[in-house]
């Protein structure tokens, strides 16, 4: 059997999501494998694009109650491979360390542990 990926996305060659929650994936942001450096960084910074609001950055809707909690970025529920601190607005510890890129605007962003927002 195929294993679910950390992102909760569809497995290669599969015609259905690995879990029903994957149907809610909005695909608004993706993990940035690297951030630009040198001239590339200067070009990104010169755009001075406003960061989109929280709701436009997250990939999954926030939980309505504690039984539905999942990471708003990767879609995983709390468990051995996914810890979601209460103060993190449903962002897991793996996703709060990642650099993300908003797909529509190409803006890079990270979770601020001090401000508790992206």
C-alpha atoms as a PDB file:
ATOM      1  CA  UNK A   1       0.000   0.000   0.000  1.00  0.00           C
ATOM      2  CA  UNK A   2       1.045   3.593  -0.614  1.00  0.00           C
ATOM      3  CA  UNK A   3       1.956   5.758   2.359  1.00  0.00           C
ATOM      4  CA  UNK A   4       0.544   9.205   2.984  1.00  0.00           C
ATOM      5  CA  UNK A   5       3.019  11.997   2.407  1.00  0.00           C
ATOM      6  CA  UNK A   6       3.719  14.605   5.102  1.00  0.00           C
ATOM      7  CA  UNK A   7       1.815  17.173   3.029  1.00  0.00           C
ATOM      8  CA  UNK A   8      -1.302  14.995   2.893  1.00  0.00           C
ATOM      9  CA  UNK A   9      -1.291  15.348  -0.875  1.00  0.00           C
ATOM     10  CA  UNK A  10      -2.136  12.729  -3.438  1.00  0.00           C
ATOM     11  CA  UNK A  11       0.414   9.948  -3.908  1.00  0.00           C
ATOM     12  CA  UNK A  12       2.073   9.671  -7.304  1.00  0.00           C
ATOM     13  CA  UNK A  13      -0.067   7.560  -9.602  1.00  0.00           C
ATOM     14  CA  UNK A  14      -3.042   7.715  -7.247  1.00  0.00           C
ATOM     15  CA  UNK A  15      -6.401   9.038  -8.349  1.00  0.00           C
ATOM     16  CA  UNK A  16      -7.684   9.897  -4.883  1.00  0.00           C
ATOM     17  CA  UNK A  17      -6.389  11.845  -1.902  1.00  0.00           C
ATOM     18  CA  UNK A  18      -4.559   9.909   0.819  1.00  0.00           C
ATOM     19  CA  UNK A  19      -7.136  11.152   3.326  1.00  0.00           C
ATOM     20  CA  UNK A  20     -10.490  12.923   3.109  1.00  0.00           C
ATOM     21  CA  UNK A  21      -9.004  16.082   4.613  1.00  0.00           C
ATOM     22  CA  UNK A  22      -6.782  16.433   1.516  1.00  0.00           C
ATOM     23  CA  UNK A  23      -9.886  17.567  -0.401  1.00  0.00           C
ATOM     24  CA  UNK A  24      -9.805  20.786   1.668  1.00  0.00           C
ATOM     25  CA  UNK A  25      -6.260  21.645   0.560  1.00  0.00           C
ATOM     26  CA  UNK A  26      -6.435  25.144  -0.949  1.00  0.00           C
ATOM     27  CA  UNK A  27      -2.888  25.114  -2.358  1.00  0.00           C
ATOM     28  CA  UNK A  28      -2.364  28.768  -1.440  1.00  0.00           C
ATOM     29  CA  UNK A  29       1.220  28.371  -0.192  1.00  0.00           C
ATOM     30  CA  UNK A  30       4.098  25.946  -0.642  1.00  0.00           C
ATOM     31  CA  UNK A  31       7.244  25.177   1.312  1.00  0.00           C
ATOM     32  CA  UNK A  32      10.149  27.085  -0.186  1.00  0.00           C
ATOM     33  CA  UNK A  33      13.011  24.614  -0.775  1.00  0.00           C
ATOM     34  CA  UNK A  34      15.378  27.587  -0.647  1.00  0.00           C
ATOM     35  CA  UNK A  35      15.155  31.356  -0.545  1.00  0.00           C
ATOM     36  CA  UNK A  36      16.826  33.629  -3.072  1.00  0.00           C
ATOM     37  CA  UNK A  37      20.284  35.000  -2.294  1.00  0.00           C
ATOM     38  CA  UNK A  38      22.399  37.788  -3.791  1.00  0.00           C
ATOM     39  CA  UNK A  39      20.789  39.482  -6.797  1.00  0.00           C
ATOM     40  CA  UNK A  40      17.766  37.166  -6.544  1.00  0.00           C
ATOM     41  CA  UNK A  41      17.094  38.321  -2.986  1.00  0.00           C
ATOM     42  CA  UNK A  42      17.553  41.964  -3.984  1.00  0.00           C
ATOM     43  CA  UNK A  43      14.985  41.503  -6.762  1.00  0.00           C
ATOM     44  CA  UNK A  44      12.467  39.908  -4.369  1.00  0.00           C
ATOM     45  CA  UNK A  45      12.987  42.630  -1.757  1.00  0.00           C
ATOM     46  CA  UNK A  46      12.658  45.450  -4.302  1.00  0.00           C
ATOM     47  CA  UNK A  47       9.095  44.364  -5.133  1.00  0.00           C
ATOM     48  CA  UNK A  48       7.928  45.598  -1.697  1.00  0.00           C
ATOM     49  CA  UNK A  49       4.842  43.415  -1.977  1.00  0.00           C
ATOM     50  CA  UNK A  50       2.515  43.426   1.050  1.00  0.00           C
ATOM     51  CA  UNK A  51       2.150  40.083   2.723  1.00  0.00           C
ATOM     52  CA  UNK A  52      -1.317  38.621   2.166  1.00  0.00           C
ATOM     53  CA  UNK A  53      -3.609  38.211   5.211  1.00  0.00           C
ATOM     54  CA  UNK A  54      -3.421  35.005   7.295  1.00  0.00           C
ATOM     55  CA  UNK A  55      -6.522  33.464   5.677  1.00  0.00           C
ATOM     56  CA  UNK A  56      -4.952  33.853   2.220  1.00  0.00           C
ATOM     57  CA  UNK A  57      -1.691  32.170   3.293  1.00  0.00           C
ATOM     58  CA  UNK A  58      -2.983  29.014   4.983  1.00  0.00           C
ATOM     59  CA  UNK A  59      -3.597  25.830   2.997  1.00  0.00           C
ATOM     60  CA  UNK A  60      -6.294  24.308   5.216  1.00  0.00           C
ATOM     61  CA  UNK A  61      -9.148  25.879   7.200  1.00  0.00           C
ATOM     62  CA  UNK A  62      -8.725  26.381  10.962  1.00  0.00           C
ATOM     63  CA  UNK A  63     -10.446  23.868  13.203  1.00  0.00           C
ATOM     64  CA  UNK A  64     -13.890  24.738  14.523  1.00  0.00           C
ATOM     65  CA  UNK A  65     -13.366  22.569  17.631  1.00  0.00           C
ATOM     66  CA  UNK A  66     -10.542  20.656  19.315  1.00  0.00           C
ATOM     67  CA  UNK A  67     -11.527  17.320  17.715  1.00  0.00           C
ATOM     68  CA  UNK A  68     -10.898  18.724  14.220  1.00  0.00           C
ATOM     69  CA  UNK A  69      -7.452  20.265  14.854  1.00  0.00           C
ATOM     70  CA  UNK A  70      -4.999  19.855  11.981  1.00  0.00           C
ATOM     71  CA  UNK A  71      -2.059  21.943  10.877  1.00  0.00           C
ATOM     72  CA  UNK A  72      -3.331  24.749   8.630  1.00  0.00           C
ATOM     73  CA  UNK A  73      -0.232  24.426   6.428  1.00  0.00           C
ATOM     74  CA  UNK A  74       0.470  20.681   5.989  1.00  0.00           C
ATOM     75  CA  UNK A  75      -2.945  19.297   7.019  1.00  0.00           C
ATOM     76  CA  UNK A  76      -1.626  16.701   9.494  1.00  0.00           C
ATOM     77  CA  UNK A  77      -3.473  15.970  12.754  1.00  0.00           C
ATOM     78  CA  UNK A  78      -1.591  16.072  16.077  1.00  0.00           C
ATOM     79  CA  UNK A  79       0.255  12.826  16.732  1.00  0.00           C
ATOM     80  CA  UNK A  80       3.736  11.290  16.947  1.00  0.00           C
ATOM     81  CA  UNK A  81       4.912  13.079  13.782  1.00  0.00           C
ATOM     82  CA  UNK A  82       2.996  16.325  14.263  1.00  0.00           C
ATOM     83  CA  UNK A  83       2.982  18.582  17.327  1.00  0.00           C
ATOM     84  CA  UNK A  84       0.683  21.614  17.247  1.00  0.00           C
ATOM     85  CA  UNK A  85       1.291  23.991  20.172  1.00  0.00           C
ATOM     86  CA  UNK A  86      -1.916  25.607  21.464  1.00  0.00           C
ATOM     87  CA  UNK A  87      -0.579  29.136  20.988  1.00  0.00           C
ATOM     88  CA  UNK A  88       0.385  28.511  17.332  1.00  0.00           C
ATOM     89  CA  UNK A  89      -3.004  29.136  15.634  1.00  0.00           C
ATOM     90  CA  UNK A  90      -3.045  25.524  14.348  1.00  0.00           C
ATOM     91  CA  UNK A  91       0.483  25.664  12.820  1.00  0.00           C
ATOM     92  CA  UNK A  92       2.578  22.562  13.652  1.00  0.00           C
ATOM     93  CA  UNK A  93       6.189  22.716  14.856  1.00  0.00           C
ATOM     94  CA  UNK A  94       7.561  21.525  11.486  1.00  0.00           C
ATOM     95  CA  UNK A  95       5.628  24.134   9.522  1.00  0.00           C
ATOM     96  CA  UNK A  96       6.444  26.935  11.968  1.00  0.00           C
ATOM     97  CA  UNK A  97      10.153  26.386  11.159  1.00  0.00           C
ATOM     98  CA  UNK A  98       9.718  26.344   7.373  1.00  0.00           C
ATOM     99  CA  UNK A  99       9.993  29.203   4.945  1.00  0.00           C
ATOM    100  CA  UNK A 100       6.871  29.377   2.783  1.00  0.00           C
ATOM    101  CA  UNK A 101       6.024  31.012  -0.518  1.00  0.00           C
ATOM    102  CA  UNK A 102       2.549  32.320  -1.305  1.00  0.00           C
ATOM    103  CA  UNK A 103       1.690  30.909  -4.731  1.00  0.00           C
ATOM    104  CA  UNK A 104      -0.352  33.833  -6.102  1.00  0.00           C
ATOM    105  CA  UNK A 105       2.032  36.638  -5.085  1.00  0.00           C
ATOM    106  CA  UNK A 106       5.366  34.731  -4.794  1.00  0.00           C
ATOM    107  CA  UNK A 107       5.884  36.428  -1.391  1.00  0.00           C
ATOM    108  CA  UNK A 108       8.122  34.478   1.023  1.00  0.00           C
ATOM    109  CA  UNK A 109       7.004  34.235   4.645  1.00  0.00           C
ATOM    110  CA  UNK A 110       7.677  32.465   7.950  1.00  0.00           C
ATOM    111  CA  UNK A 111       5.744  31.951  11.168  1.00  0.00           C
ATOM    112  CA  UNK A 112       6.767  34.460  13.849  1.00  0.00           C
ATOM    113  CA  UNK A 113       6.845  32.658  17.201  1.00  0.00           C
ATOM    114  CA  UNK A 114       6.901  35.996  19.067  1.00  0.00           C
ATOM    115  CA  UNK A 115       3.940  37.588  17.272  1.00  0.00           C
ATOM    116  CA  UNK A 116       2.090  34.287  16.714  1.00  0.00           C
ATOM    117  CA  UNK A 117       1.401  35.131  13.079  1.00  0.00           C
ATOM    118  CA  UNK A 118       2.937  34.834   9.623  1.00  0.00           C
END
